[in-house]
């Protein structure tokens, strides 16, 4: 696995307040109580900061899972 994928996992855990070893690869929006609409915006801000990129509205709306986030971050040139 790439360092960037691990970095994205860590960003998810931190932004959503999940335990350090919580699995996130299968995580989907609202699948856990921690990922609500407020946490979603925190997650977006954390991803933008961690990877120094700016997500557009379609990215924010389309980030419905960890897998979707990987695709979105990859679209912005981050190798995962």
PDB file of N, CA and C in Angstrom:
ATOM      1  N   UNK A   1       0.827  -1.185   0.000  1.00  0.00           N
ATOM      2  CA  UNK A   1       0.000   0.000   0.000  1.00  0.00           C
ATOM      3  C   UNK A   1       0.871   1.247   0.000  1.00  0.00           C
ATOM      4  N   UNK A   2       0.357   2.293  -0.576  1.00  0.00           N
ATOM      5  CA  UNK A   2       1.135   3.518  -0.675  1.00  0.00           C
ATOM      6  C   UNK A   2       1.074   4.318   0.620  1.00  0.00           C
ATOM      7  N   UNK A   3       2.087   5.142   0.778  1.00  0.00           N
ATOM      8  CA  UNK A   3       2.093   6.041   1.933  1.00  0.00           C
ATOM      9  C   UNK A   3       0.907   6.995   1.882  1.00  0.00           C
ATOM     10  N   UNK A   4       0.546   7.425   0.667  1.00  0.00           N
ATOM     11  CA  UNK A   4      -0.590   8.350   0.546  1.00  0.00           C
ATOM     12  C   UNK A   4      -1.909   7.684   0.921  1.00  0.00           C
ATOM     13  N   UNK A   5      -2.059   6.406   0.618  1.00  0.00           N
ATOM     14  CA  UNK A   5      -3.289   5.708   1.010  1.00  0.00           C
ATOM     15  C   UNK A   5      -3.351   5.608   2.539  1.00  0.00           C
ATOM     16  N   UNK A   6      -2.198   5.307   3.149  1.00  0.00           N
ATOM     17  CA  UNK A   6      -2.153   5.276   4.614  1.00  0.00           C
ATOM     18  C   UNK A   6      -2.434   6.659   5.193  1.00  0.00           C
ATOM     19  N   UNK A   7      -1.923   7.680   4.536  1.00  0.00           N
ATOM     20  CA  UNK A   7      -2.165   9.058   4.980  1.00  0.00           C
ATOM     21  C   UNK A   7      -3.660   9.384   4.886  1.00  0.00           C
ATOM     22  N   UNK A   8      -4.305   8.928   3.812  1.00  0.00           N
ATOM     23  CA  UNK A   8      -5.746   9.166   3.669  1.00  0.00           C
ATOM     24  C   UNK A   8      -6.518   8.396   4.739  1.00  0.00           C
ATOM     25  N   UNK A   9      -6.103   7.176   5.012  1.00  0.00           N
ATOM     26  CA  UNK A   9      -6.756   6.411   6.091  1.00  0.00           C
ATOM     27  C   UNK A   9      -6.642   7.163   7.423  1.00  0.00           C
ATOM     28  N   UNK A  10      -5.434   7.638   7.717  1.00  0.00           N
ATOM     29  CA  UNK A  10      -5.214   8.367   8.967  1.00  0.00           C
ATOM     30  C   UNK A  10      -6.052   9.643   9.010  1.00  0.00           C
ATOM     31  N   UNK A  11      -6.181  10.306   7.866  1.00  0.00           N
ATOM     32  CA  UNK A  11      -6.997  11.523   7.788  1.00  0.00           C
ATOM     33  C   UNK A  11      -8.453  11.195   8.085  1.00  0.00           C
ATOM     34  N   UNK A  12      -8.951  10.107   7.535  1.00  0.00           N
ATOM     35  CA  UNK A  12     -10.323   9.671   7.822  1.00  0.00           C
ATOM     36  C   UNK A  12     -10.494   9.417   9.315  1.00  0.00           C
ATOM     37  N   UNK A  13      -9.579   8.647   9.895  1.00  0.00           N
ATOM     38  CA  UNK A  13      -9.703   8.308  11.321  1.00  0.00           C
ATOM     39  C   UNK A  13      -9.701   9.561  12.187  1.00  0.00           C
ATOM     40  N   UNK A  14      -8.782  10.460  11.904  1.00  0.00           N
ATOM     41  CA  UNK A  14      -8.673  11.667  12.725  1.00  0.00           C
ATOM     42  C   UNK A  14      -9.895  12.570  12.543  1.00  0.00           C
ATOM     43  N   UNK A  15     -10.297  12.810  11.309  1.00  0.00           N
ATOM     44  CA  UNK A  15     -11.417  13.716  11.046  1.00  0.00           C
ATOM     45  C   UNK A  15     -12.732  13.180  11.608  1.00  0.00           C
ATOM     46  N   UNK A  16     -12.887  11.860  11.570  1.00  0.00           N
ATOM     47  CA  UNK A  16     -14.134  11.258  12.048  1.00  0.00           C
ATOM     48  C   UNK A  16     -14.058  10.839  13.509  1.00  0.00           C
ATOM     49  N   UNK A  17     -12.906  11.018  14.138  1.00  0.00           N
ATOM     50  CA  UNK A  17     -12.766  10.663  15.553  1.00  0.00           C
ATOM     51  C   UNK A  17     -12.812   9.170  15.788  1.00  0.00           C
ATOM     52  N   UNK A  18     -12.270   8.406  14.842  1.00  0.00           N
ATOM     53  CA  UNK A  18     -12.262   6.949  14.962  1.00  0.00           C
ATOM     54  C   UNK A  18     -10.975   6.495  15.645  1.00  0.00           C
ATOM     55  N   UNK A  19     -10.982   5.319  16.279  1.00  0.00           N
ATOM     56  CA  UNK A  19      -9.757   4.793  16.874  1.00  0.00           C
ATOM     57  C   UNK A  19      -8.646   4.630  15.831  1.00  0.00           C
ATOM     58  N   UNK A  20      -7.416   4.686  16.290  1.00  0.00           N
ATOM     59  CA  UNK A  20      -6.248   4.662  15.405  1.00  0.00           C
ATOM     60  C   UNK A  20      -6.196   3.433  14.506  1.00  0.00           C
ATOM     61  N   UNK A  21      -6.731   2.331  14.944  1.00  0.00           N
ATOM     62  CA  UNK A  21      -6.670   1.096  14.161  1.00  0.00           C
ATOM     63  C   UNK A  21      -8.001   0.758  13.492  1.00  0.00           C
ATOM     64  N   UNK A  22      -8.957   1.668  13.533  1.00  0.00           N
ATOM     65  CA  UNK A  22     -10.266   1.399  12.934  1.00  0.00           C
ATOM     66  C   UNK A  22     -10.124   1.174  11.432  1.00  0.00           C
ATOM     67  N   UNK A  23     -10.744   0.117  10.904  1.00  0.00           N
ATOM     68  CA  UNK A  23     -10.689  -0.098   9.454  1.00  0.00           C
ATOM     69  C   UNK A  23     -11.537   0.952   8.743  1.00  0.00           C
ATOM     70  N   UNK A  24     -11.027   1.508   7.668  1.00  0.00           N
ATOM     71  CA  UNK A  24     -11.777   2.536   6.945  1.00  0.00           C
ATOM     72  C   UNK A  24     -11.967   2.210   5.464  1.00  0.00           C
ATOM     73  N   UNK A  25     -11.301   1.181   4.970  1.00  0.00           N
ATOM     74  CA  UNK A  25     -11.354   0.900   3.533  1.00  0.00           C
ATOM     75  C   UNK A  25     -12.768   0.617   3.023  1.00  0.00           C
ATOM     76  N   UNK A  26     -13.621   0.078   3.861  1.00  0.00           N
ATOM     77  CA  UNK A  26     -15.000  -0.230   3.453  1.00  0.00           C
ATOM     78  C   UNK A  26     -15.992   0.813   3.958  1.00  0.00           C
ATOM     79  N   UNK A  27     -15.475   1.879   4.554  1.00  0.00           N
ATOM     80  CA  UNK A  27     -16.332   2.883   5.178  1.00  0.00           C
ATOM     81  C   UNK A  27     -17.137   3.651   4.136  1.00  0.00           C
ATOM     82  N   UNK A  28     -18.403   3.902   4.449  1.00  0.00           N
ATOM     83  CA  UNK A  28     -19.279   4.682   3.583  1.00  0.00           C
ATOM     84  C   UNK A  28     -19.952   5.771   4.406  1.00  0.00           C
ATOM     85  N   UNK A  29     -20.326   6.841   3.726  1.00  0.00           N
ATOM     86  CA  UNK A  29     -20.987   7.969   4.372  1.00  0.00           C
ATOM     87  C   UNK A  29     -22.224   7.488   5.134  1.00  0.00           C
ATOM     88  N   UNK A  30     -22.308   7.907   6.367  1.00  0.00           N
ATOM     89  CA  UNK A  30     -23.405   7.584   7.281  1.00  0.00           C
ATOM     90  C   UNK A  30     -23.480   6.103   7.671  1.00  0.00           C
ATOM     91  N   UNK A  31     -22.460   5.311   7.313  1.00  0.00           N
ATOM     92  CA  UNK A  31     -22.433   3.904   7.727  1.00  0.00           C
ATOM     93  C   UNK A  31     -22.062   3.794   9.201  1.00  0.00           C
ATOM     94  N   UNK A  32     -21.387   4.809   9.702  1.00  0.00           N
ATOM     95  CA  UNK A  32     -21.065   4.886  11.128  1.00  0.00           C
ATOM     96  C   UNK A  32     -21.590   6.224  11.633  1.00  0.00           C
ATOM     97  N   UNK A  33     -21.939   6.251  12.914  1.00  0.00           N
ATOM     98  CA  UNK A  33     -22.530   7.482  13.455  1.00  0.00           C
ATOM     99  C   UNK A  33     -21.563   8.655  13.397  1.00  0.00           C
ATOM    100  N   UNK A  34     -20.272   8.379  13.385  1.00  0.00           N
ATOM    101  CA  UNK A  34     -19.270   9.445  13.372  1.00  0.00           C
ATOM    102  C   UNK A  34     -19.231  10.214  12.044  1.00  0.00           C
ATOM    103  N   UNK A  35     -19.712   9.605  10.963  1.00  0.00           N
ATOM    104  CA  UNK A  35     -19.644  10.257   9.650  1.00  0.00           C
ATOM    105  C   UNK A  35     -21.008  10.831   9.297  1.00  0.00           C
ATOM    106  N   UNK A  36     -21.314  11.971   9.917  1.00  0.00           N
ATOM    107  CA  UNK A  36     -22.551  12.683   9.606  1.00  0.00           C
ATOM    108  C   UNK A  36     -22.211  13.881   8.722  1.00  0.00           C
ATOM    109  N   UNK A  37     -23.173  14.735   8.463  1.00  0.00           N
ATOM    110  CA  UNK A  37     -22.940  15.846   7.535  1.00  0.00           C
ATOM    111  C   UNK A  37     -21.909  16.844   8.058  1.00  0.00           C
ATOM    112  N   UNK A  38     -21.888  17.075   9.351  1.00  0.00           N
ATOM    113  CA  UNK A  38     -20.900  17.993   9.925  1.00  0.00           C
ATOM    114  C   UNK A  38     -19.501  17.378   9.812  1.00  0.00           C
ATOM    115  N   UNK A  39     -19.379  16.119  10.172  1.00  0.00           N
ATOM    116  CA  UNK A  39     -18.091  15.432  10.084  1.00  0.00           C
ATOM    117  C   UNK A  39     -17.632  15.337   8.625  1.00  0.00           C
ATOM    118  N   UNK A  40     -18.564  15.236   7.713  1.00  0.00           N
ATOM    119  CA  UNK A  40     -18.219  15.171   6.295  1.00  0.00           C
ATOM    120  C   UNK A  40     -17.454  16.428   5.882  1.00  0.00           C
ATOM    121  N   UNK A  41     -17.931  17.588   6.317  1.00  0.00           N
ATOM    122  CA  UNK A  41     -17.255  18.832   5.963  1.00  0.00           C
ATOM    123  C   UNK A  41     -15.889  18.924   6.650  1.00  0.00           C
ATOM    124  N   UNK A  42     -15.786  18.418   7.874  1.00  0.00           N
ATOM    125  CA  UNK A  42     -14.496  18.366   8.559  1.00  0.00           C
ATOM    126  C   UNK A  42     -13.544  17.452   7.796  1.00  0.00           C
ATOM    127  N   UNK A  43     -14.069  16.334   7.333  1.00  0.00           N
ATOM    128  CA  UNK A  43     -13.259  15.396   6.557  1.00  0.00           C
ATOM    129  C   UNK A  43     -12.760  16.044   5.263  1.00  0.00           C
ATOM    130  N   UNK A  44     -13.630  16.752   4.587  1.00  0.00           N
ATOM    131  CA  UNK A  44     -13.236  17.449   3.354  1.00  0.00           C
ATOM    132  C   UNK A  44     -12.096  18.428   3.650  1.00  0.00           C
ATOM    133  N   UNK A  45     -12.249  19.230   4.694  1.00  0.00           N
ATOM    134  CA  UNK A  45     -11.210  20.204   5.054  1.00  0.00           C
ATOM    135  C   UNK A  45      -9.907  19.497   5.418  1.00  0.00           C
ATOM    136  N   UNK A  46     -10.004  18.392   6.113  1.00  0.00           N
ATOM    137  CA  UNK A  46      -8.805  17.645   6.513  1.00  0.00           C
ATOM    138  C   UNK A  46      -8.088  17.057   5.299  1.00  0.00           C
ATOM    139  N   UNK A  47      -8.855  16.533   4.343  1.00  0.00           N
ATOM    140  CA  UNK A  47      -8.244  15.982   3.131  1.00  0.00           C
ATOM    141  C   UNK A  47      -7.574  17.095   2.328  1.00  0.00           C
ATOM    142  N   UNK A  48      -8.260  18.226   2.207  1.00  0.00           N
ATOM    143  CA  UNK A  48      -7.664  19.351   1.476  1.00  0.00           C
ATOM    144  C   UNK A  48      -6.355  19.780   2.131  1.00  0.00           C
ATOM    145  N   UNK A  49      -6.336  19.844   3.426  1.00  0.00           N
ATOM    146  CA  UNK A  49      -5.122  20.255   4.143  1.00  0.00           C
ATOM    147  C   UNK A  49      -4.021  19.199   4.027  1.00  0.00           C
ATOM    148  N   UNK A  50      -4.370  17.956   4.228  1.00  0.00           N
ATOM    149  CA  UNK A  50      -3.374  16.877   4.223  1.00  0.00           C
ATOM    150  C   UNK A  50      -2.696  16.723   2.861  1.00  0.00           C
ATOM    151  N   UNK A  51      -3.474  16.918   1.794  1.00  0.00           N
ATOM    152  CA  UNK A  51      -2.940  16.688   0.448  1.00  0.00           C
ATOM    153  C   UNK A  51      -2.748  17.985  -0.350  1.00  0.00           C
ATOM    154  N   UNK A  52      -2.949  19.115   0.314  1.00  0.00           N
ATOM    155  CA  UNK A  52      -2.742  20.425  -0.314  1.00  0.00           C
ATOM    156  C   UNK A  52      -3.462  20.517  -1.652  1.00  0.00           C
ATOM    157  N   UNK A  53      -4.756  20.291  -1.617  1.00  0.00           N
ATOM    158  CA  UNK A  53      -5.574  20.406  -2.827  1.00  0.00           C
ATOM    159  C   UNK A  53      -6.898  21.057  -2.460  1.00  0.00           C
ATOM    160  N   UNK A  54      -7.657  21.432  -3.488  1.00  0.00           N
ATOM    161  CA  UNK A  54      -8.954  22.068  -3.288  1.00  0.00           C
ATOM    162  C   UNK A  54     -10.017  21.222  -3.978  1.00  0.00           C
ATOM    163  N   UNK A  55     -10.918  20.685  -3.191  1.00  0.00           N
ATOM    164  CA  UNK A  55     -11.989  19.860  -3.741  1.00  0.00           C
ATOM    165  C   UNK A  55     -13.117  20.755  -4.216  1.00  0.00           C
ATOM    166  N   UNK A  56     -13.706  20.411  -5.353  1.00  0.00           N
ATOM    167  CA  UNK A  56     -14.839  21.198  -5.834  1.00  0.00           C
ATOM    168  C   UNK A  56     -16.142  20.597  -5.306  1.00  0.00           C
ATOM    169  N   UNK A  57     -17.225  21.257  -5.609  1.00  0.00           N
ATOM    170  CA  UNK A  57     -18.527  20.844  -5.077  1.00  0.00           C
ATOM    171  C   UNK A  57     -18.873  19.415  -5.468  1.00  0.00           C
ATOM    172  N   UNK A  58     -18.598  19.038  -6.705  1.00  0.00           N
ATOM    173  CA  UNK A  58     -18.889  17.669  -7.142  1.00  0.00           C
ATOM    174  C   UNK A  58     -18.073  16.650  -6.340  1.00  0.00           C
ATOM    175  N   UNK A  59     -16.817  17.006  -6.019  1.00  0.00           N
ATOM    176  CA  UNK A  59     -15.987  16.125  -5.196  1.00  0.00           C
ATOM    177  C   UNK A  59     -16.601  15.958  -3.804  1.00  0.00           C
ATOM    178  N   UNK A  60     -17.010  17.072  -3.217  1.00  0.00           N
ATOM    179  CA  UNK A  60     -17.573  17.044  -1.855  1.00  0.00           C
ATOM    180  C   UNK A  60     -18.829  16.177  -1.824  1.00  0.00           C
ATOM    181  N   UNK A  61     -19.680  16.362  -2.807  1.00  0.00           N
ATOM    182  CA  UNK A  61     -20.928  15.596  -2.869  1.00  0.00           C
ATOM    183  C   UNK A  61     -20.649  14.127  -3.209  1.00  0.00           C
ATOM    184  N   UNK A  62     -19.671  13.898  -4.064  1.00  0.00           N
ATOM    185  CA  UNK A  62     -19.388  12.535  -4.507  1.00  0.00           C
ATOM    186  C   UNK A  62     -18.561  11.697  -3.557  1.00  0.00           C
ATOM    187  N   UNK A  63     -18.037  12.306  -2.507  1.00  0.00           N
ATOM    188  CA  UNK A  63     -17.193  11.559  -1.574  1.00  0.00           C
ATOM    189  C   UNK A  63     -18.084  10.765  -0.610  1.00  0.00           C
ATOM    190  N   UNK A  64     -18.612   9.685  -1.118  1.00  0.00           N
ATOM    191  CA  UNK A  64     -19.586   8.899  -0.368  1.00  0.00           C
ATOM    192  C   UNK A  64     -18.991   7.687   0.335  1.00  0.00           C
ATOM    193  N   UNK A  65     -17.708   7.484   0.168  1.00  0.00           N
ATOM    194  CA  UNK A  65     -17.045   6.338   0.796  1.00  0.00           C
ATOM    195  C   UNK A  65     -15.537   6.581   0.775  1.00  0.00           C
ATOM    196  N   UNK A  66     -14.810   5.718   1.472  1.00  0.00           N
ATOM    197  CA  UNK A  66     -13.352   5.810   1.420  1.00  0.00           C
ATOM    198  C   UNK A  66     -12.880   5.548  -0.005  1.00  0.00           C
ATOM    199  N   UNK A  67     -13.472   4.571  -0.661  1.00  0.00           N
ATOM    200  CA  UNK A  67     -13.089   4.262  -2.044  1.00  0.00           C
ATOM    201  C   UNK A  67     -13.329   5.462  -2.955  1.00  0.00           C
ATOM    202  N   UNK A  68     -14.448   6.139  -2.777  1.00  0.00           N
ATOM    203  CA  UNK A  68     -14.732   7.333  -3.581  1.00  0.00           C
ATOM    204  C   UNK A  68     -13.715   8.426  -3.275  1.00  0.00           C
ATOM    205  N   UNK A  69     -13.340   8.555  -2.011  1.00  0.00           N
ATOM    206  CA  UNK A  69     -12.334   9.561  -1.636  1.00  0.00           C
ATOM    207  C   UNK A  69     -10.998   9.245  -2.307  1.00  0.00           C
ATOM    208  N   UNK A  70     -10.646   7.970  -2.378  1.00  0.00           N
ATOM    209  CA  UNK A  70      -9.400   7.581  -3.063  1.00  0.00           C
ATOM    210  C   UNK A  70      -9.446   8.032  -4.521  1.00  0.00           C
ATOM    211  N   UNK A  71     -10.559   7.796  -5.178  1.00  0.00           N
ATOM    212  CA  UNK A  71     -10.691   8.184  -6.581  1.00  0.00           C
ATOM    213  C   UNK A  71     -10.618   9.700  -6.737  1.00  0.00           C
ATOM    214  N   UNK A  72     -11.255  10.415  -5.827  1.00  0.00           N
ATOM    215  CA  UNK A  72     -11.266  11.881  -5.913  1.00  0.00           C
ATOM    216  C   UNK A  72      -9.866  12.439  -5.670  1.00  0.00           C
ATOM    217  N   UNK A  73      -9.204  11.950  -4.656  1.00  0.00           N
ATOM    218  CA  UNK A  73      -7.843  12.424  -4.373  1.00  0.00           C
ATOM    219  C   UNK A  73      -6.917  12.062  -5.533  1.00  0.00           C
ATOM    220  N   UNK A  74      -7.092  10.878  -6.084  1.00  0.00           N
ATOM    221  CA  UNK A  74      -6.297  10.463  -7.233  1.00  0.00           C
ATOM    222  C   UNK A  74      -6.529  11.349  -8.446  1.00  0.00           C
ATOM    223  N   UNK A  75      -7.776  11.785  -8.620  1.00  0.00           N
ATOM    224  CA  UNK A  75      -8.119  12.677  -9.730  1.00  0.00           C
ATOM    225  C   UNK A  75      -7.338  13.994  -9.649  1.00  0.00           C
ATOM    226  N   UNK A  76      -6.969  14.367  -8.429  1.00  0.00           N
ATOM    227  CA  UNK A  76      -6.214  15.605  -8.209  1.00  0.00           C
ATOM    228  C   UNK A  76      -4.704  15.371  -8.263  1.00  0.00           C
ATOM    229  N   UNK A  77      -4.289  14.213  -8.769  1.00  0.00           N
ATOM    230  CA  UNK A  77      -2.875  13.960  -8.990  1.00  0.00           C
ATOM    231  C   UNK A  77      -2.115  13.315  -7.862  1.00  0.00           C
ATOM    232  N   UNK A  78      -2.817  12.864  -6.834  1.00  0.00           N
ATOM    233  CA  UNK A  78      -2.160  12.186  -5.716  1.00  0.00           C
ATOM    234  C   UNK A  78      -2.132  10.694  -6.012  1.00  0.00           C
ATOM    235  N   UNK A  79      -0.951  10.117  -6.059  1.00  0.00           N
ATOM    236  CA  UNK A  79      -0.809   8.678  -6.319  1.00  0.00           C
ATOM    237  C   UNK A  79      -1.161   7.900  -5.057  1.00  0.00           C
ATOM    238  N   UNK A  80      -2.133   7.003  -5.187  1.00  0.00           N
ATOM    239  CA  UNK A  80      -2.532   6.171  -4.036  1.00  0.00           C
ATOM    240  C   UNK A  80      -2.205   4.725  -4.299  1.00  0.00           C
TER     241      UNK A  80
END
